[in-house]
């Protein structure tokens, strides 16, 4: 069994005024920071939801790298640029609370997930969860990914020379199935559709303008979805703890039976909340990232051909497995994935709460302020990315990466809260490309440019229409 230390009380957060959790910092405390209040009561909530990227760009160009905006019922201070990313994500002074930053958005949906705990508690739980991403389990996942992806990608073609399909819902169902096998160790049965819908409802509720679970609202659907998943994962946790014989290789079995240093099992509700959060991350964010990569390769067929040649040379032929040991050989595929993550990061912005006052770009940001960075904006700044809207995987050659600000590219966050499953995301995407691009040419109609829902996790509103042409 894995052994982890008991989490300590978060002393920093415990000493902070209680009203901070409600985001009620006095307006006067932020009077010296430029920005806009927007409409009475609603502020800029609906403006940001409608087109967050255009709004952020306008505010940045108008007010500079530090500005305030009132939305979702509170003032938020935006910190823009690679230096801001480094300040907040690396957090040398441990003054930024992820728990209090994400809390107003996610506390009713993903409480106690890794993004909603801080400092010692976060370190201890992260260490416990990291057992799932060691080389042994990752090899097991690679085998499962190859089996599941190969079977489904072949089925997409249906034996036809050409097949039209909506890619986003298809890859979303596949990533849910893959996460079930890799993380839970069993395929979902008839409850699969209900589980998928629960995750959809929870993610959509995270940016719902109405934050109370009133009847017929997105928040109510999200809260109900969480209740369903809590029941499901609680029952599964108890099964793992009551099982005889050898523990499974899946992450859920290992974490459900992990003990603290005193030999006690982690509380069931903590296991459940971590599984809820990790399953969402392993299926919704990878779905978004894989969709953006497939779209960009379809729009840039010359790069699709380069990746196809690399993958064919590595796996040795159509539809063959990309093994765990071969993952490092497909360098162009990884560079293309990184470029897709730059253009359409799956987490476009990241909130925090300042536990202490700090200085940035000549401004004093007071303790208690809601602050945030914007990966999408920084990923499109010309100072770091010449011709920033162009799809160019060569931006990620080792030489250019070394020459660029380390925090100009942050799709996986950074510092203590760096995405725990980033290597799993690379692996799943590379295996997907190996099975797709060695079987099919991926095309989109001339001039096709789908509208994307930007928040909370990017996705094409029409499901993304593609054509698979069998090679």
Protein backbone atom coordinates (compact mmCIF):
# COMPACT_ATOMS: atom_id res chain seq x y z
CA UNK A 1 0.00 0.00 0.00
CA UNK A 2 1.10 3.55 -0.59
CA UNK A 3 1.93 5.51 2.56
CA UNK A 4 1.43 9.25 2.92
CA UNK A 5 1.65 11.72 5.79
CA UNK A 6 -1.47 13.11 7.39
CA UNK A 7 -2.28 16.57 6.04
CA UNK A 8 -1.65 19.47 8.36
CA UNK A 9 -4.04 22.35 8.92
CA UNK A 10 -3.48 25.11 6.39
CA UNK A 11 -2.18 27.68 8.84
CA UNK A 12 -2.00 30.54 6.38
CA UNK A 13 -5.61 30.28 5.26
CA UNK A 14 -6.80 29.72 8.81
CA UNK A 15 -5.45 33.09 9.92
CA UNK A 16 -7.17 35.05 7.18
CA UNK A 17 -10.41 37.00 7.71
CA UNK A 18 -13.49 34.84 7.14
CA UNK A 19 -15.07 37.32 4.74
CA UNK A 20 -12.29 36.70 2.23
CA UNK A 21 -13.93 33.43 1.26
CA UNK A 22 -16.87 35.51 0.05
CA UNK A 23 -14.66 37.80 -2.06
CA UNK A 24 -15.81 40.94 -0.24
CA UNK A 25 -12.65 43.05 -0.38
CA UNK A 26 -13.55 46.74 -0.02
CA UNK A 27 -13.64 48.69 -3.29
CA UNK A 28 -11.32 51.32 -1.80
CA UNK A 29 -8.57 48.72 -1.43
CA UNK A 30 -8.37 48.45 -5.21
CA UNK A 31 -9.04 52.09 -6.09
CA UNK A 32 -5.47 52.65 -7.27
CA UNK A 33 -5.68 49.85 -9.87
CA UNK A 34 -7.12 50.80 -13.28
CA UNK A 35 -10.05 48.90 -14.69
CA UNK A 36 -13.81 48.73 -15.20
CA UNK A 37 -16.83 47.89 -13.06
CA UNK A 38 -19.16 47.15 -15.96
CA UNK A 39 -22.94 46.94 -15.55
CA UNK A 40 -24.63 47.40 -12.17
CA UNK A 41 -24.72 44.14 -10.20
CA UNK A 42 -23.58 41.93 -13.13
CA UNK A 43 -20.38 43.81 -13.91
CA UNK A 44 -18.66 42.30 -16.95
CA UNK A 45 -19.88 38.75 -16.29
CA UNK A 46 -21.81 38.31 -19.51
CA UNK A 47 -19.23 40.19 -21.60
CA UNK A 48 -16.53 37.81 -20.42
CA UNK A 49 -18.66 34.72 -20.90
CA UNK A 50 -19.59 35.78 -24.44
CA UNK A 51 -16.03 36.38 -25.67
CA UNK A 52 -13.41 36.17 -22.90
CA UNK A 53 -10.38 36.32 -25.21
CA UNK A 54 -11.42 39.50 -27.02
CA UNK A 55 -12.34 41.07 -23.68
CA UNK A 56 -8.98 40.20 -22.10
CA UNK A 57 -7.08 41.55 -25.11
CA UNK A 58 -9.02 44.84 -25.01
CA UNK A 59 -8.43 45.27 -21.30
CA UNK A 60 -4.72 44.49 -21.64
CA UNK A 61 -4.28 46.92 -24.51
CA UNK A 62 -6.26 49.60 -22.65
CA UNK A 63 -4.87 49.29 -19.13
CA UNK A 64 -1.64 47.33 -19.38
CA UNK A 65 -0.44 44.23 -17.52
CA UNK A 66 -2.36 44.99 -14.30
CA UNK A 67 -6.05 45.84 -14.31
CA UNK A 68 -9.22 45.11 -12.36
CA UNK A 69 -12.60 43.99 -13.60
CA UNK A 70 -15.83 43.33 -11.76
CA UNK A 71 -17.54 40.07 -12.72
CA UNK A 72 -19.25 37.12 -11.05
CA UNK A 73 -20.11 39.41 -8.13
CA UNK A 74 -16.60 40.50 -7.14
CA UNK A 75 -13.53 42.45 -8.20
CA UNK A 76 -10.79 40.48 -9.91
CA UNK A 77 -7.26 41.73 -10.56
CA UNK A 78 -5.72 40.45 -13.79
CA UNK A 79 -1.94 40.00 -13.95
CA UNK A 80 -0.86 39.68 -17.57
CA UNK A 81 2.39 38.44 -19.08
CA UNK A 82 4.99 35.72 -18.67
CA UNK A 83 6.40 37.47 -15.57
CA UNK A 84 2.93 37.37 -14.01
CA UNK A 85 2.66 33.66 -14.81
CA UNK A 86 5.96 33.03 -13.07
CA UNK A 87 5.08 35.16 -10.06
CA UNK A 88 1.78 33.41 -9.39
CA UNK A 89 2.52 29.85 -10.48
CA UNK A 90 6.01 29.48 -9.02
CA UNK A 91 4.86 31.36 -5.90
CA UNK A 92 8.19 31.58 -4.10
CA UNK A 93 6.63 33.22 -1.06
CA UNK A 94 3.60 30.90 -0.86
CA UNK A 95 1.23 33.87 -0.88
CA UNK A 96 -1.25 32.70 -3.52
CA UNK A 97 -4.08 30.37 -2.51
CA UNK A 98 -5.34 28.08 -5.24
CA UNK A 99 -8.06 26.86 -2.87
CA UNK A 100 -9.47 30.33 -2.36
CA UNK A 101 -8.98 31.25 -6.03
CA UNK A 102 -10.82 28.28 -7.50
CA UNK A 103 -13.21 27.93 -4.56
CA UNK A 104 -15.91 30.35 -5.74
CA UNK A 105 -15.94 28.55 -9.10
CA UNK A 106 -15.56 24.90 -8.10
CA UNK A 107 -16.28 24.42 -4.39
CA UNK A 108 -19.83 23.10 -5.02
CA UNK A 109 -18.59 20.82 -7.80
CA UNK A 110 -15.05 19.57 -7.15
CA UNK A 111 -14.31 20.24 -3.46
CA UNK A 112 -10.98 18.93 -2.21
CA UNK A 113 -9.71 18.27 -5.72
CA UNK A 114 -6.00 19.02 -6.12
CA UNK A 115 -6.70 22.55 -7.36
CA UNK A 116 -8.77 23.28 -4.25
CA UNK A 117 -6.17 22.48 -1.59
CA UNK A 118 -3.02 24.37 -0.69
CA UNK A 119 0.50 24.02 0.66
CA UNK A 120 1.09 21.09 3.05
CA UNK A 121 -2.27 19.45 2.43
CA UNK A 122 -1.75 19.75 -1.32
CA UNK A 123 1.80 18.38 -1.12
CA UNK A 124 0.71 15.32 0.86
CA UNK A 125 -2.27 14.46 -1.34
CA UNK A 126 -0.30 15.10 -4.51
CA UNK A 127 2.35 12.66 -3.32
CA UNK A 128 -0.36 10.06 -2.70
CA UNK A 129 -1.86 10.54 -6.15
CA UNK A 130 1.54 10.49 -7.87
CA UNK A 131 1.73 6.71 -7.40
CA UNK A 132 -0.62 6.49 -10.37
CA UNK A 133 1.92 8.11 -12.72
CA UNK A 134 5.05 6.12 -11.93
CA UNK A 135 6.69 4.15 -14.80
CA UNK A 136 5.01 0.85 -13.86
CA UNK A 137 1.43 2.11 -13.96
CA UNK A 138 2.22 4.27 -17.02
CA UNK A 139 3.32 1.18 -18.95
CA UNK A 140 0.05 -0.46 -17.97
CA UNK A 141 -1.88 2.61 -19.17
CA UNK A 142 0.04 2.63 -22.48
CA UNK A 143 -1.06 -0.92 -23.22
CA UNK A 144 -4.67 -0.11 -22.31
CA UNK A 145 -4.61 3.07 -24.41
CA UNK A 146 -3.32 1.26 -27.47
CA UNK A 147 -5.99 -1.43 -27.18
CA UNK A 148 -8.87 0.96 -26.63
CA UNK A 149 -7.81 3.60 -29.14
CA UNK A 150 -6.96 1.14 -31.90
CA UNK A 151 -10.34 -0.56 -31.63
CA UNK A 152 -12.36 2.66 -31.59
CA UNK A 153 -10.39 4.54 -34.24
CA UNK A 154 -10.82 1.59 -36.61
CA UNK A 155 -14.56 1.60 -35.85
CA UNK A 156 -14.78 5.29 -36.74
CA UNK A 157 -13.88 4.43 -40.33
CA UNK A 158 -16.52 1.69 -40.54
CA UNK A 159 -14.56 0.03 -43.34
CA UNK A 160 -15.49 2.85 -45.73
CA UNK A 161 -13.15 4.79 -47.99
CA UNK A 162 -14.43 8.06 -46.52
CA UNK A 163 -16.33 8.79 -43.31
CA UNK A 164 -17.83 12.07 -42.11
CA UNK A 165 -18.12 12.47 -38.35
CA UNK A 166 -18.37 14.93 -35.49
CA UNK A 167 -15.05 14.48 -33.77
CA UNK A 168 -15.60 16.14 -30.38
CA UNK A 169 -18.39 13.90 -29.03
CA UNK A 170 -16.62 10.82 -30.41
CA UNK A 171 -13.29 11.58 -28.74
CA UNK A 172 -15.05 12.64 -25.55
CA UNK A 173 -16.71 9.23 -25.24
CA UNK A 174 -13.43 7.51 -26.04
CA UNK A 175 -11.43 9.46 -23.45
CA UNK A 176 -14.06 8.68 -20.81
CA UNK A 177 -13.80 4.98 -21.62
CA UNK A 178 -10.00 5.12 -21.56
CA UNK A 179 -9.94 6.92 -18.22
CA UNK A 180 -12.31 4.32 -16.80
CA UNK A 181 -10.04 1.45 -17.79
CA UNK A 182 -6.74 3.17 -16.88
CA UNK A 183 -7.77 4.90 -13.67
CA UNK A 184 -10.62 2.76 -12.36
CA UNK A 185 -9.63 -0.58 -13.85
CA UNK A 186 -13.00 -1.50 -15.28
CA UNK A 187 -15.15 -0.44 -18.22
CA UNK A 188 -18.25 1.56 -17.46
CA UNK A 189 -21.45 -0.39 -17.97
CA UNK A 190 -24.91 0.99 -18.64
CA UNK A 191 -24.13 3.92 -16.34
CA UNK A 192 -21.55 5.32 -18.82
CA UNK A 193 -23.90 7.89 -20.39
CA UNK A 194 -25.04 9.10 -16.98
CA UNK A 195 -21.43 9.46 -15.78
CA UNK A 196 -20.45 11.38 -18.91
CA UNK A 197 -23.43 13.70 -18.55
CA UNK A 198 -22.57 14.28 -14.88
CA UNK A 199 -19.09 15.48 -15.85
CA UNK A 200 -20.52 17.68 -18.61
CA UNK A 201 -23.00 19.27 -16.19
CA UNK A 202 -20.34 19.88 -13.53
CA UNK A 203 -17.92 21.55 -15.94
CA UNK A 204 -20.63 23.76 -17.45
CA UNK A 205 -21.83 24.75 -13.97
CA UNK A 206 -18.36 26.07 -13.13
CA UNK A 207 -19.03 29.24 -15.17
CA UNK A 208 -22.77 29.50 -14.60
CA UNK A 209 -23.76 33.13 -13.86
CA UNK A 210 -26.24 31.91 -11.21
CA UNK A 211 -24.08 30.43 -8.46
CA UNK A 212 -26.85 28.90 -6.35
CA UNK A 213 -28.30 25.48 -7.28
CA UNK A 214 -31.77 26.80 -8.03
CA UNK A 215 -34.19 24.55 -9.94
CA UNK A 216 -33.60 24.33 -13.71
CA UNK A 217 -30.22 26.13 -13.55
CA UNK A 218 -26.81 24.94 -14.75
CA UNK A 219 -25.58 25.00 -11.16
CA UNK A 220 -28.41 22.69 -10.06
CA UNK A 221 -27.55 20.24 -12.83
CA UNK A 222 -23.90 20.42 -11.84
CA UNK A 223 -24.59 19.80 -8.16
CA UNK A 224 -26.87 16.90 -9.06
CA UNK A 225 -24.15 15.48 -11.29
CA UNK A 226 -21.66 15.65 -8.44
CA UNK A 227 -24.11 13.85 -6.11
CA UNK A 228 -24.45 11.03 -8.64
CA UNK A 229 -20.67 10.66 -9.00
CA UNK A 230 -20.12 10.80 -5.24
CA UNK A 231 -22.49 7.84 -4.84
CA UNK A 232 -20.77 5.94 -7.66
CA UNK A 233 -17.19 6.50 -6.46
CA UNK A 234 -18.10 5.91 -2.80
CA UNK A 235 -19.48 2.48 -3.66
CA UNK A 236 -16.40 1.70 -5.76
CA UNK A 237 -14.02 2.83 -2.98
CA UNK A 238 -15.70 0.54 -0.48
CA UNK A 239 -15.47 -2.34 -2.99
CA UNK A 240 -11.71 -1.84 -3.36
CA UNK A 241 -11.22 -1.73 0.38
CA UNK A 242 -13.21 -4.91 0.87
CA UNK A 243 -11.59 -6.83 -1.97
CA UNK A 244 -9.39 -9.83 -1.26
CA UNK A 245 -6.21 -10.71 -3.06
CA UNK A 246 -3.77 -8.56 -5.04
CA UNK A 247 -4.52 -4.89 -5.48
CA UNK A 248 -5.27 -3.81 -9.03
CA UNK A 249 -2.80 -1.80 -11.11
CA UNK A 250 -5.30 0.99 -11.68
CA UNK A 251 -4.91 4.28 -9.86
CA UNK A 252 -8.23 4.05 -8.04
CA UNK A 253 -7.32 0.76 -6.34
CA UNK A 254 -3.96 2.12 -5.20
CA UNK A 255 -5.34 5.37 -3.90
CA UNK A 256 -8.41 3.82 -2.27
CA UNK A 257 -6.12 1.61 -0.17
CA UNK A 258 -3.39 4.18 0.54
CA UNK A 259 -2.61 4.79 4.20
CA UNK A 260 -1.22 7.66 6.18
CA UNK A 261 1.93 7.34 8.30
CA UNK A 262 -0.11 6.14 11.27
CA UNK A 263 -1.56 3.31 9.18
CA UNK A 264 -5.05 4.75 8.80
CA UNK A 265 -6.79 4.80 5.46
CA UNK A 266 -7.52 8.10 3.77
CA UNK A 267 -11.12 9.17 4.43
CA UNK A 268 -13.54 7.83 1.82
CA UNK A 269 -14.85 11.29 0.97
CA UNK A 270 -11.32 12.51 0.17
CA UNK A 271 -10.67 9.54 -2.10
CA UNK A 272 -13.99 10.22 -3.85
CA UNK A 273 -13.29 13.93 -4.35
CA UNK A 274 -9.86 13.26 -5.80
CA UNK A 275 -11.25 10.67 -8.19
CA UNK A 276 -13.98 13.06 -9.28
CA UNK A 277 -11.46 15.77 -10.07
CA UNK A 278 -8.88 13.54 -11.74
CA UNK A 279 -11.45 11.81 -13.91
CA UNK A 280 -12.73 15.20 -15.07
CA UNK A 281 -9.18 16.36 -15.85
CA UNK A 282 -8.26 13.10 -17.59
CA UNK A 283 -11.29 13.18 -19.81
CA UNK A 284 -12.47 16.76 -20.38
CA UNK A 285 -9.13 18.53 -20.78
CA UNK A 286 -7.62 15.78 -22.95
CA UNK A 287 -10.77 15.79 -25.08
CA UNK A 288 -10.35 19.52 -25.65
CA UNK A 289 -6.63 19.23 -26.41
CA UNK A 290 -6.99 16.29 -28.78
CA UNK A 291 -9.81 18.07 -30.62
CA UNK A 292 -7.75 21.22 -31.13
CA UNK A 293 -4.77 19.20 -32.40
CA UNK A 294 -6.88 17.22 -34.89
CA UNK A 295 -8.50 20.42 -36.14
CA UNK A 296 -5.17 22.18 -36.61
CA UNK A 297 -3.66 19.20 -38.42
CA UNK A 298 -6.67 19.05 -40.74
CA UNK A 299 -6.24 22.77 -41.47
CA UNK A 300 -2.49 22.33 -42.00
CA UNK A 301 -2.13 19.17 -44.12
CA UNK A 302 1.59 19.69 -44.67
CA UNK A 303 2.13 19.20 -40.94
CA UNK A 304 -0.25 16.27 -40.88
CA UNK A 305 1.95 14.59 -43.48
CA UNK A 306 5.11 15.24 -41.46
CA UNK A 307 3.59 13.68 -38.36
CA UNK A 308 2.28 10.74 -40.38
CA UNK A 309 5.76 10.04 -41.76
CA UNK A 310 7.29 10.21 -38.27
CA UNK A 311 4.66 7.91 -36.78
CA UNK A 312 4.86 5.40 -39.64
CA UNK A 313 8.63 5.23 -39.25
CA UNK A 314 8.28 4.70 -35.50
CA UNK A 315 5.50 2.11 -35.31
CA UNK A 316 6.36 0.36 -38.59
CA UNK A 317 3.00 0.42 -40.33
CA UNK A 318 -0.70 1.18 -40.29
CA UNK A 319 -2.52 0.89 -36.97
CA UNK A 320 0.37 -0.60 -35.01
CA UNK A 321 0.87 0.23 -31.35
CA UNK A 322 3.02 3.11 -30.17
CA UNK A 323 4.70 1.49 -27.20
CA UNK A 324 5.68 3.16 -23.94
CA UNK A 325 9.36 2.93 -24.93
CA UNK A 326 8.66 4.65 -28.27
CA UNK A 327 6.92 7.71 -26.81
CA UNK A 328 10.11 9.79 -26.77
CA UNK A 329 10.84 9.08 -30.43
CA UNK A 330 7.91 11.03 -31.90
CA UNK A 331 9.37 14.49 -31.38
CA UNK A 332 7.46 16.27 -34.15
CA UNK A 333 4.18 14.87 -32.83
CA UNK A 334 4.97 16.24 -29.38
CA UNK A 335 5.93 19.64 -30.82
CA UNK A 336 2.66 19.79 -32.76
CA UNK A 337 0.71 18.94 -29.62
CA UNK A 338 2.51 21.70 -27.72
CA UNK A 339 1.65 24.17 -30.45
CA UNK A 340 -2.01 23.14 -30.28
CA UNK A 341 -1.91 23.68 -26.52
CA UNK A 342 -0.43 27.11 -27.13
CA UNK A 343 -3.13 28.17 -29.56
CA UNK A 344 -6.05 26.64 -27.62
CA UNK A 345 -4.99 25.98 -24.01
CA UNK A 346 -7.48 23.71 -22.22
CA UNK A 347 -7.40 25.94 -19.12
CA UNK A 348 -7.47 29.47 -20.58
CA UNK A 349 -7.11 31.34 -17.28
CA UNK A 350 -6.18 30.57 -13.67
CA UNK A 351 -7.43 32.28 -10.49
CA UNK A 352 -5.78 32.65 -7.10
CA UNK A 353 -6.40 34.63 -3.88
CA UNK A 354 -3.58 36.74 -2.45
CA UNK A 355 -2.95 35.80 1.19
CA UNK A 356 -0.53 38.71 1.59
CA UNK A 357 -0.04 42.00 -0.22
CA UNK A 358 2.55 41.98 -3.01
CA UNK A 359 4.10 44.22 -5.66
CA UNK A 360 3.83 43.74 -9.42
CA UNK A 361 4.64 46.17 -12.24
CA UNK A 362 4.54 49.15 -9.89
CA UNK A 363 1.24 48.26 -8.22
CA UNK A 364 0.62 47.07 -4.69
CA UNK A 365 -1.98 44.33 -4.76
CA UNK A 366 -3.61 44.07 -1.30
CA UNK A 367 -4.02 40.90 0.72
CA UNK A 368 -7.39 39.32 0.05
CA UNK A 369 -7.53 40.34 -3.62
CA UNK A 370 -8.83 37.87 -6.20
CA UNK A 371 -6.06 37.69 -8.79
CA UNK A 372 -5.63 35.73 -11.98
CA UNK A 373 -3.42 35.06 -14.97
CA UNK A 374 -4.44 34.39 -18.56
CA UNK A 375 -2.58 31.63 -20.42
CA UNK A 376 -4.51 32.21 -23.64
CA UNK A 377 -3.49 35.86 -23.86
CA UNK A 378 0.17 35.20 -23.04
CA UNK A 379 0.25 32.37 -25.58
CA UNK A 380 -0.71 34.94 -28.24
CA UNK A 381 1.65 37.81 -27.33
CA UNK A 382 3.96 38.73 -30.22
CA UNK A 383 6.86 39.43 -27.86
CA UNK A 384 7.08 35.68 -27.26
CA UNK A 385 5.36 34.26 -30.36
CA UNK A 386 5.99 35.95 -33.76
CA UNK A 387 2.92 35.62 -35.99
CA UNK A 388 1.04 34.22 -32.99
CA UNK A 389 -2.06 32.94 -34.80
CA UNK A 390 -0.02 30.72 -37.14
CA UNK A 391 0.22 26.98 -36.42
CA UNK A 392 3.98 26.35 -36.31
CA UNK A 393 5.25 23.40 -34.25
CA UNK A 394 8.85 24.49 -34.93
CA UNK A 395 8.39 27.05 -32.16
CA UNK A 396 9.14 24.14 -29.80
CA UNK A 397 12.60 23.19 -31.01
CA UNK A 398 14.97 22.93 -28.01
CA UNK A 399 16.83 26.06 -29.14
CA UNK A 400 13.72 28.25 -29.29
CA UNK A 401 12.37 26.85 -26.03
CA UNK A 402 15.63 27.74 -24.25
CA UNK A 403 15.54 31.27 -25.69
CA UNK A 404 11.97 31.96 -24.60
CA UNK A 405 10.68 33.01 -21.18
CA UNK A 406 10.07 29.81 -19.22
CA UNK A 407 6.56 30.91 -18.30
CA UNK A 408 5.46 32.12 -21.74
CA UNK A 409 3.89 28.67 -22.30
CA UNK A 410 1.81 27.38 -19.37
CA UNK A 411 -1.00 25.07 -20.59
CA UNK A 412 -0.28 22.74 -17.66
CA UNK A 413 0.16 25.47 -15.06
CA UNK A 414 3.40 25.48 -13.11
CA UNK A 415 5.06 25.27 -9.73
CA UNK A 416 3.54 23.11 -7.00
CA UNK A 417 0.23 22.94 -8.89
CA UNK A 418 1.73 21.79 -12.21
CA UNK A 419 -0.73 19.34 -13.79
CA UNK A 420 -0.06 15.95 -12.22
CA UNK A 421 -1.25 14.08 -15.31
CA UNK A 422 0.62 15.98 -18.01
CA UNK A 423 2.69 12.95 -19.06
CA UNK A 424 -0.49 10.89 -19.31
CA UNK A 425 -1.93 13.61 -21.59
CA UNK A 426 1.16 13.49 -23.84
CA UNK A 427 1.01 9.69 -23.94
CA UNK A 428 -2.69 9.46 -24.77
CA UNK A 429 -2.43 12.09 -27.49
CA UNK A 430 0.61 10.47 -29.11
CA UNK A 431 -1.08 7.05 -29.09
CA UNK A 432 -4.22 8.61 -30.60
CA UNK A 433 -2.19 10.24 -33.38
CA UNK A 434 -0.37 6.97 -34.06
CA UNK A 435 -3.62 5.12 -34.64
CA UNK A 436 -5.45 7.93 -36.48
CA UNK A 437 -2.79 9.26 -38.81
CA UNK A 438 -1.48 5.87 -39.92
CA UNK A 439 -5.02 4.84 -40.93
CA UNK A 440 -6.59 8.05 -42.21
CA UNK A 441 -6.03 11.44 -43.72
CA UNK A 442 -8.07 13.95 -41.71
CA UNK A 443 -9.82 16.68 -43.68
CA UNK A 444 -12.16 19.59 -43.07
CA UNK A 445 -14.21 21.48 -45.65
CA UNK A 446 -12.61 24.44 -47.40
CA UNK A 447 -13.00 27.55 -45.28
CA UNK A 448 -14.32 25.58 -42.31
CA UNK A 449 -13.71 27.53 -39.09
CA UNK A 450 -15.95 26.36 -36.24
CA UNK A 451 -16.94 28.69 -33.43
CA UNK A 452 -15.41 27.61 -30.13
CA UNK A 453 -16.92 27.81 -26.67
CA UNK A 454 -13.99 29.40 -24.85
CA UNK A 455 -14.91 28.72 -21.22
CA UNK A 456 -14.63 26.75 -19.02
CA UNK A 457 -12.84 24.21 -21.24
CA UNK A 458 -12.61 25.01 -24.98
CA UNK A 459 -14.74 23.00 -27.37
CA UNK A 460 -16.15 23.50 -30.89
CA UNK A 461 -19.80 24.44 -30.66
CA UNK A 462 -20.79 22.26 -33.63
CA UNK A 463 -18.85 19.22 -32.42
CA UNK A 464 -16.23 19.74 -35.18
CA UNK A 465 -17.09 18.20 -38.52
CA UNK A 466 -14.22 16.21 -40.03
CA UNK A 467 -13.77 13.65 -42.80
CA UNK A 468 -11.62 10.55 -42.39
CA UNK A 469 -10.15 9.37 -45.70
CA UNK A 470 -8.67 5.87 -45.44
CA UNK A 471 -5.09 5.69 -46.66
